[in-house]
Amino acid sequence: MSTVYGIRIPKKLRELMASVDIDWQKEISGFIEARAKKALMSKYLEESREKLEKMKNIDNAELIREDRES
């Protein structure tokens, strides 16, 4: 299943694209997929760093004590 996503490009660019034998749908879809995955990985990495920074402030001895008491 697919959807349509339209963009505006300059007329000269469209003419240039038409002058070469390239599957533009495949090229553009591949680029967008790679770029989206890269952006998502960056987002997850940043979230992980933030969580790791918060975890540095946790006292391990206190956690162990709480665990034993419960």
Protein backbone atom coordinates (compact mmCIF):
# COMPACT_ATOMS: atom_id res chain seq x y z
CA MET A 1 0.00 0.00 0.00
CA SER A 2 1.29 3.47 -0.76
CA THR A 3 0.24 7.09 -0.47
CA VAL A 4 0.91 10.18 -2.52
CA TYR A 5 3.12 12.99 -1.23
CA GLY A 6 3.42 15.92 -3.62
CA ILE A 7 6.23 18.46 -3.76
CA ARG A 8 6.90 21.47 -5.96
CA ILE A 9 10.17 21.59 -7.87
CA PRO A 10 11.47 24.10 -10.39
CA LYS A 11 10.45 23.43 -13.99
CA LYS A 12 14.10 23.23 -15.08
CA LEU A 13 14.76 20.54 -12.50
CA ARG A 14 11.80 18.54 -13.78
CA GLU A 15 13.13 18.84 -17.33
CA LEU A 16 16.56 17.72 -16.15
CA MET A 17 15.02 14.73 -14.38
CA ALA A 18 13.13 13.78 -17.53
CA SER A 19 16.33 13.87 -19.58
CA VAL A 20 17.93 10.97 -17.69
CA ASP A 21 16.84 7.36 -17.33
CA ILE A 22 16.43 7.10 -13.55
CA ASP A 23 13.55 5.67 -11.54
CA TRP A 24 12.92 8.84 -9.54
CA GLN A 25 10.20 7.32 -7.39
CA LYS A 26 12.60 4.64 -6.21
CA GLU A 27 15.46 7.13 -5.74
CA ILE A 28 13.40 9.63 -3.77
CA SER A 29 11.65 6.98 -1.67
CA GLY A 30 15.03 5.44 -0.81
CA PHE A 31 16.47 8.81 0.16
CA ILE A 32 13.48 9.71 2.33
CA GLU A 33 13.54 6.33 4.06
CA ALA A 34 17.26 6.58 4.84
CA ARG A 35 16.92 10.17 6.06
CA ALA A 36 13.92 9.33 8.27
CA LYS A 37 15.74 6.36 9.81
CA LYS A 38 18.79 8.52 10.49
CA ALA A 39 16.65 11.20 12.14
CA LEU A 40 14.86 8.57 14.25
CA MET A 41 18.16 7.06 15.38
CA SER A 42 19.39 10.53 16.38
CA LYS A 43 16.20 11.10 18.35
CA TYR A 44 16.54 7.77 20.17
CA LEU A 45 20.22 8.42 20.88
CA GLU A 46 19.43 11.82 22.37
CA GLU A 47 16.65 10.34 24.52
CA SER A 48 19.04 7.62 25.70
CA ARG A 49 21.66 10.18 26.62
CA GLU A 50 19.11 12.18 28.62
CA LYS A 51 17.99 9.07 30.50
CA LEU A 52 21.58 8.03 31.17
CA GLU A 53 22.31 11.49 32.56
CA LYS A 54 19.32 11.19 34.91
CA MET A 55 20.48 7.75 36.00
CA LYS A 56 23.88 9.11 37.03
CA ASN A 57 22.16 10.98 39.84
CA ILE A 58 20.66 7.81 41.34
CA ASP A 59 22.29 6.43 44.49
CA ASN A 60 22.77 2.68 43.91
CA ALA A 61 23.12 1.92 47.61
CA GLU A 62 19.77 3.56 48.28
CA LEU A 63 18.12 1.47 45.55
CA ILE A 64 19.55 -1.73 46.99
CA ARG A 65 18.38 -0.76 50.48
CA GLU A 66 14.87 -0.05 49.19
CA ASP A 67 14.83 -3.37 47.39
CA ARG A 68 15.83 -5.31 50.50
CA GLU A 69 13.28 -3.54 52.67
CA SER A 70 10.36 -4.33 50.36
